[in-house]
N, C-alpha and C. Protein backbone atom coordinates (compact mmCIF):
# COMPACT_ATOMS: atom_id res chain seq x y z
N MET A 1 13.92 -40.30 10.76
CA MET A 1 12.63 -40.89 9.75
C MET A 1 11.69 -39.55 9.19
N PHE A 2 11.53 -39.34 7.90
CA PHE A 2 10.48 -38.35 7.68
C PHE A 2 9.10 -38.71 8.60
N ASN A 3 8.75 -36.94 8.48
CA ASN A 3 7.66 -36.64 9.23
C ASN A 3 7.01 -35.83 8.70
N PRO A 4 6.30 -35.76 7.52
CA PRO A 4 5.62 -34.73 6.22
C PRO A 4 4.75 -33.52 7.80
N LEU A 5 5.04 -33.99 8.72
CA LEU A 5 4.01 -33.32 9.81
C LEU A 5 4.71 -31.88 10.30
N THR A 6 6.24 -32.07 10.24
CA THR A 6 7.07 -30.99 10.49
C THR A 6 6.91 -30.03 9.94
N TRP A 7 7.19 -30.75 8.04
CA TRP A 7 7.32 -28.90 6.86
C TRP A 7 5.82 -28.64 7.27
N LEU A 8 4.38 -29.76 7.40
CA LEU A 8 3.01 -29.43 6.85
C LEU A 8 2.24 -27.92 8.15
N ARG A 9 2.95 -27.74 8.83
CA ARG A 9 2.71 -26.68 10.01
C ARG A 9 1.82 -25.22 9.51
N VAL A 10 0.76 -25.07 10.16
CA VAL A 10 0.06 -23.88 9.44
C VAL A 10 0.56 -23.00 10.82
N PRO A 11 0.92 -21.78 10.93
CA PRO A 11 1.45 -20.64 11.40
C PRO A 11 -0.48 -20.95 12.19
N ARG A 12 0.06 -20.28 13.54
CA ARG A 12 -1.34 -19.73 14.09
C ARG A 12 -1.93 -18.62 13.12
N ALA A 13 -3.34 -18.99 13.50
CA ALA A 13 -3.54 -17.16 13.23
C ALA A 13 -3.47 -16.16 14.25
N GLN A 14 -3.55 -14.88 14.20
CA GLN A 14 -4.10 -13.65 15.09
C GLN A 14 -4.47 -13.21 14.89
N ALA A 15 -5.65 -12.93 15.23
CA ALA A 15 -6.79 -12.33 14.81
C ALA A 15 -8.06 -11.88 16.22
N HIS A 16 -9.04 -10.57 15.68
CA HIS A 16 -9.67 -10.18 16.79
C HIS A 16 -10.55 -11.72 17.54
N CYS A 17 -11.02 -12.70 16.58
CA CYS A 17 -11.24 -13.36 17.20
C CYS A 17 -11.18 -14.91 16.58
N ASP A 18 -10.78 -15.88 16.21
CA ASP A 18 -10.37 -16.74 15.47
C ASP A 18 -12.28 -17.65 14.95
N ILE A 19 -12.78 -17.44 15.86
CA ILE A 19 -14.35 -18.33 15.57
C ILE A 19 -15.32 -17.90 14.06
N PRO A 20 -15.03 -16.57 14.04
CA PRO A 20 -15.45 -15.05 14.44
C PRO A 20 -16.55 -14.95 15.53
N CYS A 21 -16.73 -14.15 15.88
CA CYS A 21 -17.28 -13.68 16.42
C CYS A 21 -18.04 -12.81 16.24
N GLY A 22 -18.32 -11.55 15.28
CA GLY A 22 -18.76 -10.65 15.02
C GLY A 22 -18.69 -9.36 16.00
N ILE A 23 -18.30 -9.30 16.73
CA ILE A 23 -17.83 -8.34 18.05
C ILE A 23 -17.12 -7.78 17.39
N TYR A 24 -17.31 -5.91 17.06
CA TYR A 24 -16.03 -4.96 17.37
C TYR A 24 -16.81 -3.75 17.71
N ASP A 25 -15.46 -3.39 17.82
CA ASP A 25 -15.91 -1.29 18.44
C ASP A 25 -14.59 -1.08 18.33
N PRO A 26 -14.15 -0.16 17.97
CA PRO A 26 -12.75 0.81 17.29
C PRO A 26 -12.32 1.11 19.33
N ILE A 27 -13.30 1.34 19.55
CA ILE A 27 -13.44 2.36 20.84
C ILE A 27 -11.73 1.47 21.88
N ALA A 28 -11.86 0.18 21.55
CA ALA A 28 -9.79 -0.19 21.90
C ALA A 28 -8.02 0.90 21.48
N ALA A 29 -8.87 0.90 19.87
CA ALA A 29 -7.92 2.37 19.55
C ALA A 29 -8.01 3.03 19.62
N LYS A 30 -9.62 3.74 20.16
CA LYS A 30 -9.28 4.84 20.21
C LYS A 30 -8.56 5.38 21.71
N ILE A 31 -8.70 4.50 22.60
CA ILE A 31 -8.08 4.60 24.01
C ILE A 31 -6.60 3.90 23.85
N ALA A 32 -6.15 3.58 22.82
CA ALA A 32 -4.79 3.41 23.01
C ALA A 32 -4.44 4.87 22.31
N ALA A 33 -5.16 5.58 21.35
CA ALA A 33 -4.32 6.79 21.17
C ALA A 33 -4.47 7.83 21.43
N GLN A 34 -5.36 7.61 22.78
CA GLN A 34 -5.71 8.36 23.30
C GLN A 34 -4.50 8.48 24.23
N THR A 35 -3.93 7.19 24.95
CA THR A 35 -2.60 7.64 25.33
C THR A 35 -1.73 7.16 25.28
N VAL A 36 -1.52 7.60 23.27
CA VAL A 36 -0.55 7.71 23.15
C VAL A 36 -0.03 9.09 22.97
N GLN A 37 -1.23 10.33 23.08
CA GLN A 37 -1.60 11.46 23.91
C GLN A 37 -1.20 11.90 24.38
N LYS A 38 -1.48 11.25 25.79
CA LYS A 38 -1.09 11.27 27.14
C LYS A 38 -0.07 11.77 27.29
N MET A 39 0.61 10.76 26.65
CA MET A 39 1.95 10.35 27.52
C MET A 39 3.53 11.46 26.53
N VAL A 40 2.56 12.00 25.29
CA VAL A 40 3.17 13.07 24.44
C VAL A 40 3.56 13.76 25.63
N LEU A 41 2.39 14.11 25.82
CA LEU A 41 1.64 15.71 26.86
C LEU A 41 2.72 15.32 27.86
N ARG A 42 2.21 14.11 28.79
CA ARG A 42 3.57 14.15 29.85
C ARG A 42 4.37 14.26 29.88
N MET A 43 5.79 13.79 28.22
CA MET A 43 6.69 14.10 28.00
C MET A 43 7.71 15.47 27.76
N GLN A 44 6.47 15.79 27.17
CA GLN A 44 6.46 17.56 26.50
C GLN A 44 6.89 18.31 28.05
N ALA A 45 5.59 18.05 29.17
CA ALA A 45 5.48 18.39 30.28
C ALA A 45 6.82 18.65 30.66
N MET A 46 7.54 17.71 31.39
CA MET A 46 8.47 17.66 31.50
C MET A 46 9.69 18.54 31.92
N GLU A 47 10.42 18.82 33.09
CA GLU A 47 11.81 19.97 32.36
C GLU A 47 12.84 18.17 33.04
N ALA A 48 13.69 19.25 32.55
CA ALA A 48 14.67 18.26 32.20
C ALA A 48 15.82 18.92 33.65
N PRO A 49 16.47 18.38 34.53
CA PRO A 49 17.37 18.43 35.53
C PRO A 49 18.88 19.52 34.60
N GLY A 50 19.30 20.43 34.84
CA GLY A 50 20.44 20.61 34.84
C GLY A 50 21.23 19.45 34.65
N PRO A 51 22.25 20.26 34.43
CA PRO A 51 23.45 18.44 34.99
C PRO A 51 24.32 19.23 36.17
N SER A 52 24.04 20.14 36.46
CA SER A 52 24.87 20.38 37.99
C SER A 52 23.96 19.52 39.02
N GLY A 53 22.55 19.54 38.46
CA GLY A 53 21.27 18.87 39.33
C GLY A 53 21.21 17.98 40.56
N ASP A 54 20.99 17.31 41.11
CA ASP A 54 20.42 16.27 41.84
C ASP A 54 20.48 15.21 41.05
N ALA A 55 21.72 14.28 41.47
CA ALA A 55 21.60 13.32 40.66
C ALA A 55 20.40 12.20 40.61
N ALA A 56 19.84 12.37 41.45
CA ALA A 56 18.42 11.90 42.32
C ALA A 56 17.26 11.84 41.03
N ALA A 57 17.67 13.72 41.07
CA ALA A 57 16.09 13.94 40.51
C ALA A 57 16.50 13.84 38.55
N ARG A 58 17.95 13.95 38.10
CA ARG A 58 18.13 12.88 37.66
C ARG A 58 17.57 11.42 36.43
N GLN A 59 18.16 10.90 37.83
CA GLN A 59 17.74 9.79 37.72
C GLN A 59 15.83 9.08 37.25
N ASP A 60 15.42 10.18 38.37
CA ASP A 60 13.89 9.91 38.25
C ASP A 60 13.56 10.58 37.21
N TYR A 61 14.13 12.00 36.45
CA TYR A 61 13.47 12.39 34.88
C TYR A 61 13.80 10.71 33.67
N VAL A 62 15.00 10.51 34.26
CA VAL A 62 15.12 9.65 33.28
C VAL A 62 14.87 8.38 33.16
N ASN A 63 14.02 7.95 34.62
CA ASN A 63 13.19 6.47 34.71
C ASN A 63 11.80 7.37 34.54
N LYS A 64 10.96 8.74 34.66
CA LYS A 64 9.99 8.36 33.83
C LYS A 64 9.60 8.50 32.33
N MET A 65 10.90 9.16 31.89
CA MET A 65 10.83 9.90 30.38
C MET A 65 10.90 8.52 29.59
N ALA A 66 11.44 7.11 30.42
CA ALA A 66 12.15 5.79 29.90
C ALA A 66 10.21 5.31 29.77
N ARG A 67 9.37 5.05 31.22
CA ARG A 67 8.24 4.73 30.71
C ARG A 67 7.34 5.15 29.82
N TYR A 68 7.39 7.06 29.79
CA TYR A 68 6.74 7.62 29.01
C TYR A 68 6.50 6.97 27.57
N VAL A 69 7.71 6.88 26.73
CA VAL A 69 8.58 6.33 26.07
C VAL A 69 7.85 5.05 25.88
N THR A 70 7.96 4.48 26.32
CA THR A 70 8.02 2.73 26.60
C THR A 70 5.92 2.77 26.19
N VAL A 71 5.56 3.54 27.30
CA VAL A 71 3.73 3.31 27.31
C VAL A 71 3.58 4.00 25.96
N LYS A 72 4.35 5.38 25.23
CA LYS A 72 3.52 5.44 24.10
C LYS A 72 3.30 4.91 22.85
N GLU A 73 5.24 4.65 23.08
CA GLU A 73 5.13 3.63 21.89
C GLU A 73 4.24 1.74 22.11
N GLU A 74 3.86 1.19 22.67
CA GLU A 74 3.44 0.09 22.93
C GLU A 74 1.69 0.14 22.86
N HIS A 75 1.11 1.58 23.29
CA HIS A 75 0.00 2.50 23.08
C HIS A 75 -0.59 2.66 21.46
N ALA A 76 0.94 3.16 20.50
CA ALA A 76 0.82 3.16 19.06
C ALA A 76 0.57 1.81 18.38
N GLU A 77 1.06 0.42 18.77
CA GLU A 77 1.38 0.01 18.86
C GLU A 77 0.02 -1.34 18.77
N ILE A 78 -0.83 -0.65 19.56
CA ILE A 78 -2.31 -1.77 20.52
C ILE A 78 -2.95 -0.76 19.43
N CYS A 79 -2.95 0.57 19.17
CA CYS A 79 -3.81 1.50 18.02
C CYS A 79 -3.81 0.69 17.00
N LYS A 80 -2.34 0.08 15.63
CA LYS A 80 -2.24 0.55 14.77
C LYS A 80 -2.62 -1.48 14.60
N LYS A 81 -2.51 -2.17 16.18
CA LYS A 81 -2.97 -3.98 15.69
C LYS A 81 -4.29 -3.95 15.79
N GLU A 82 -5.04 -2.86 16.59
CA GLU A 82 -6.66 -2.39 16.16
C GLU A 82 -7.08 -2.31 15.51
N LEU A 83 -6.67 -1.12 15.22
CA LEU A 83 -7.03 -0.85 13.34
C LEU A 83 -6.83 -1.66 12.18
N THR A 84 -5.72 -2.29 12.11
CA THR A 84 -5.60 -3.96 11.72
C THR A 84 -6.57 -4.62 11.11
N ILE A 85 -7.27 -5.14 12.39
CA ILE A 85 -8.02 -5.81 12.57
C ILE A 85 -9.83 -5.13 12.36
N LEU A 86 -9.68 -4.69 12.99
CA LEU A 86 -11.25 -4.01 12.61
C LEU A 86 -11.24 -3.25 10.85
N TRP A 87 -10.45 -3.23 10.15
CA TRP A 87 -10.06 -2.90 8.85
C TRP A 87 -9.78 -4.20 8.30
N ALA A 88 -9.43 -5.55 8.51
CA ALA A 88 -9.25 -6.74 8.11
C ALA A 88 -10.40 -7.31 8.26
N ASP A 89 -10.74 -7.31 9.47
CA ASP A 89 -11.75 -8.68 9.32
C ASP A 89 -13.68 -8.10 9.29
N TYR A 90 -13.72 -6.67 9.54
CA TYR A 90 -15.13 -6.59 9.99
C TYR A 90 -15.03 -6.31 8.15
N ALA A 91 -16.62 -6.71 8.04
CA ALA A 91 -17.00 -7.19 6.68
C ALA A 91 -17.60 -5.73 5.73
N TRP A 92 -17.59 -4.42 6.43
CA TRP A 92 -18.12 -3.03 6.19
C TRP A 92 -19.06 -3.48 5.64
N PRO A 93 -20.18 -3.55 6.46
CA PRO A 93 -21.54 -3.57 4.97
C PRO A 93 -21.88 -1.83 5.16
N ASN A 94 -23.22 -2.13 4.02
CA ASN A 94 -23.80 -0.22 4.26
C ASN A 94 -22.44 0.59 4.67
N MET A 95 -21.25 0.75 3.54
CA MET A 95 -20.50 1.36 4.16
C MET A 95 -20.85 2.90 3.66
N PRO A 96 -20.55 3.99 4.15
CA PRO A 96 -21.01 5.57 4.24
C PRO A 96 -20.28 5.63 3.09
N ALA A 97 -21.36 6.84 2.24
CA ALA A 97 -21.02 7.27 1.03
C ALA A 97 -20.09 8.48 1.42
N GLY A 98 -18.76 8.37 0.36
CA GLY A 98 -17.45 8.85 0.22
C GLY A 98 -16.63 8.57 1.68
N PHE A 99 -16.96 7.66 2.60
CA PHE A 99 -15.52 7.29 3.06
C PHE A 99 -14.62 6.21 2.30
N ASP A 100 -13.21 6.89 2.54
CA ASP A 100 -12.56 5.24 1.40
C ASP A 100 -11.75 4.77 2.43
N LEU A 101 -12.61 4.01 2.40
CA LEU A 101 -12.33 2.64 3.72
C LEU A 101 -10.56 2.09 3.61
N HIS A 102 -10.09 2.24 2.34
CA HIS A 102 -8.54 1.90 2.56
C HIS A 102 -7.77 3.16 2.83
N GLY A 103 -8.39 3.98 1.98
CA GLY A 103 -6.74 5.60 2.34
C GLY A 103 -7.16 6.05 3.98
N SER A 104 -8.29 5.50 4.69
CA SER A 104 -8.50 6.32 6.44
C SER A 104 -7.47 5.29 6.82
N PHE A 105 -7.27 4.01 6.64
CA PHE A 105 -6.96 3.25 7.83
C PHE A 105 -5.74 3.66 7.69
N ASN A 106 -5.50 3.39 5.99
CA ASN A 106 -3.76 3.52 5.92
C ASN A 106 -3.06 4.80 6.59
N ALA A 107 -3.85 5.77 6.41
CA ALA A 107 -3.40 7.05 7.30
C ALA A 107 -3.31 7.11 8.60
N ALA A 108 -4.54 6.27 9.24
CA ALA A 108 -4.37 5.98 10.61
C ALA A 108 -3.07 4.65 10.90
N LEU A 109 -3.27 4.35 10.00
CA LEU A 109 -1.98 3.15 10.57
C LEU A 109 0.01 3.75 9.98
N LYS A 110 -0.61 4.94 9.58
CA LYS A 110 0.58 5.76 8.98
C LYS A 110 1.20 6.55 10.40
N LEU A 111 -0.29 7.52 10.65
CA LEU A 111 -0.31 8.53 11.74
C LEU A 111 0.03 7.12 13.37
N ALA A 112 -0.49 5.88 13.43
CA ALA A 112 0.08 4.93 14.50
C ALA A 112 1.74 5.25 15.08
N GLY A 113 2.47 5.34 13.46
CA GLY A 113 3.56 4.41 13.38
C GLY A 113 4.50 6.10 13.21
N ARG A 114 3.99 7.04 12.79
CA ARG A 114 4.53 8.37 13.27
C ARG A 114 4.75 8.60 14.69
N CYS A 115 3.75 8.96 15.46
CA CYS A 115 3.54 8.84 16.60
C CYS A 115 4.92 7.84 17.76
N LYS A 116 4.43 6.88 16.99
CA LYS A 116 5.37 6.05 18.05
C LYS A 116 7.08 6.47 17.28
N GLN A 117 7.41 6.90 16.35
CA GLN A 117 8.65 7.69 16.07
C GLN A 117 9.42 8.63 16.57
N ASN A 118 7.98 9.56 17.22
CA ASN A 118 8.59 10.75 17.14
C ASN A 118 7.68 11.00 19.14
N VAL A 119 7.80 12.14 18.89
CA VAL A 119 7.34 13.21 20.47
C VAL A 119 6.39 14.45 19.11
N ASP A 120 5.13 13.67 18.68
CA ASP A 120 4.88 15.16 17.97
C ASP A 120 3.21 15.18 17.94
N MET A 121 3.40 16.43 19.08
CA MET A 121 1.52 16.45 19.62
C MET A 121 0.73 16.81 18.42
N ALA A 122 0.93 17.09 17.74
CA ALA A 122 -0.19 17.42 16.60
C ALA A 122 -0.31 16.03 15.55
N ALA A 123 0.31 15.17 15.87
CA ALA A 123 0.05 13.74 14.74
C ALA A 123 -0.46 13.53 16.02
N CYS A 124 -0.29 12.63 16.85
CA CYS A 124 -1.37 12.08 18.09
C CYS A 124 -2.73 12.74 17.70
N GLU A 125 -3.04 14.51 18.13
CA GLU A 125 -4.40 14.95 17.77
C GLU A 125 -4.54 14.13 16.18
N GLU A 126 -3.80 14.75 15.32
CA GLU A 126 -4.40 13.29 13.11
C GLU A 126 -5.01 12.05 14.38
N LEU A 127 -3.62 11.61 14.83
CA LEU A 127 -4.06 10.15 15.41
C LEU A 127 -5.64 10.36 15.95
N VAL A 128 -6.28 10.82 17.13
CA VAL A 128 -7.33 11.10 17.47
C VAL A 128 -8.54 11.05 16.89
N ALA A 129 -8.17 11.93 15.95
CA ALA A 129 -9.32 12.25 14.96
C ALA A 129 -9.30 11.29 13.87
N ALA A 130 -8.32 10.89 13.49
CA ALA A 130 -8.21 9.57 12.22
C ALA A 130 -9.26 8.90 12.85
N VAL A 131 -8.47 8.08 14.39
CA VAL A 131 -9.43 6.67 14.69
C VAL A 131 -10.60 7.25 15.00
N ASP A 132 -11.29 8.65 15.31
CA ASP A 132 -12.42 9.22 15.34
C ASP A 132 -12.76 8.83 14.41
N ALA A 133 -12.53 9.36 13.24
CA ALA A 133 -13.11 9.00 11.74
C ALA A 133 -13.55 7.73 11.38
N VAL A 134 -12.68 7.29 11.72
CA VAL A 134 -12.78 5.48 11.54
C VAL A 134 -14.18 5.30 12.17
N ALA A 135 -14.35 5.52 14.03
CA ALA A 135 -15.23 5.24 14.46
C ALA A 135 -16.60 5.28 14.21
N THR A 136 -16.73 6.78 13.76
CA THR A 136 -17.92 7.58 13.19
C THR A 136 -18.58 6.48 11.47
N ALA A 137 -17.24 6.24 10.90
CA ALA A 137 -17.87 5.12 9.78
C ALA A 137 -18.05 3.99 10.20
N PHE A 138 -17.35 3.54 11.08
CA PHE A 138 -17.56 2.10 11.34
C PHE A 138 -19.35 2.00 12.37
N TRP A 139 -19.63 2.83 12.99
CA TRP A 139 -21.40 2.53 13.14
C TRP A 139 -22.07 3.60 12.92
N ALA A 140 -21.74 4.05 11.87
CA ALA A 140 -22.39 4.50 10.55
C ALA A 140 -23.26 2.91 9.86
N THR A 141 -21.64 2.15 10.00
CA THR A 141 -22.07 0.76 9.01
C THR A 141 -23.71 -0.08 9.82
N LYS A 142 -23.65 0.38 11.01
CA LYS A 142 -25.01 -0.69 11.53
C LYS A 142 -26.20 1.17 12.25
N ASN A 143 -26.31 1.78 11.50
CA ASN A 143 -27.02 3.41 11.71
C ASN A 143 -27.37 3.57 12.78
N VAL A 144 -26.24 3.79 13.46
CA VAL A 144 -25.72 4.22 15.05
C VAL A 144 -24.97 5.93 14.33
N GLU A 145 -25.44 6.67 15.46
CA GLU A 145 -24.59 8.08 14.69
C GLU A 145 -23.44 7.47 16.41
N TYR A 146 -22.37 8.21 15.94
CA TYR A 146 -20.94 7.76 16.84
C TYR A 146 -20.28 9.24 17.48
N SER A 147 -20.56 8.97 18.87
CA SER A 147 -19.74 10.05 19.96
C SER A 147 -19.10 9.42 20.95
N ASP A 148 -18.16 9.79 21.26
CA ASP A 148 -17.35 9.76 22.34
C ASP A 148 -17.27 10.42 23.33
N PRO A 149 -18.35 11.03 24.57
CA PRO A 149 -18.66 11.33 25.59
C PRO A 149 -18.10 11.79 26.40
N ASN A 150 -17.66 10.40 26.04
CA ASN A 150 -16.66 10.20 27.49
C ASN A 150 -14.93 10.43 27.08
N ALA A 151 -14.64 10.80 25.91
CA ALA A 151 -13.44 11.20 25.45
C ALA A 151 -12.70 12.04 26.27
N ALA A 152 -13.16 13.71 26.66
CA ALA A 152 -12.62 14.47 27.30
C ALA A 152 -12.54 13.90 29.08
N ALA A 153 -13.08 13.51 29.46
CA ALA A 153 -12.79 12.59 30.74
C ALA A 153 -11.88 11.89 31.08
N ARG A 154 -12.29 10.11 30.39
CA ARG A 154 -10.40 9.67 30.19
C ARG A 154 -9.91 10.14 29.58
N TYR A 155 -9.70 10.73 28.84
CA TYR A 155 -8.03 11.40 29.03
C TYR A 155 -7.44 12.41 29.73
N GLY A 156 -7.96 13.41 30.75
CA GLY A 156 -8.04 14.01 31.70
C GLY A 156 -7.28 15.07 31.30
N THR A 157 -6.42 15.44 31.91
CA THR A 157 -5.46 16.86 32.01
C THR A 157 -4.12 16.33 32.13
């Protein structure tokens, strides 16, 4: 028996808020970008044990590196998701003069992808700066001067 509902299925929308709630904040993208940066810092600080070293030390190294890579890639994807939501769903009223909305987001998304693919501290620093540029423009649309006074404390050493 033919059921038209089986072919008329509408895919479920994936968005920040399906209502929409109107609450947006680039801080989630910033925290994700900083997490990517921190994982790269930790990966670069690790010293691989020599081939003749302790098997347990080698396994510990491999396990830690795998966890750092996984977290780095997950948070790069979170950053991309949060930026995409902000780019697509926020109305961007009173856009600041000189802010290239599409170019800025495109560059930030590509940086997040580059950070996902590589272990590149310079790319991580560029990603954090790109997210800060987006946040500066976002808050300017609300007549608020952007600052992230907790960035250094949140990132830590």
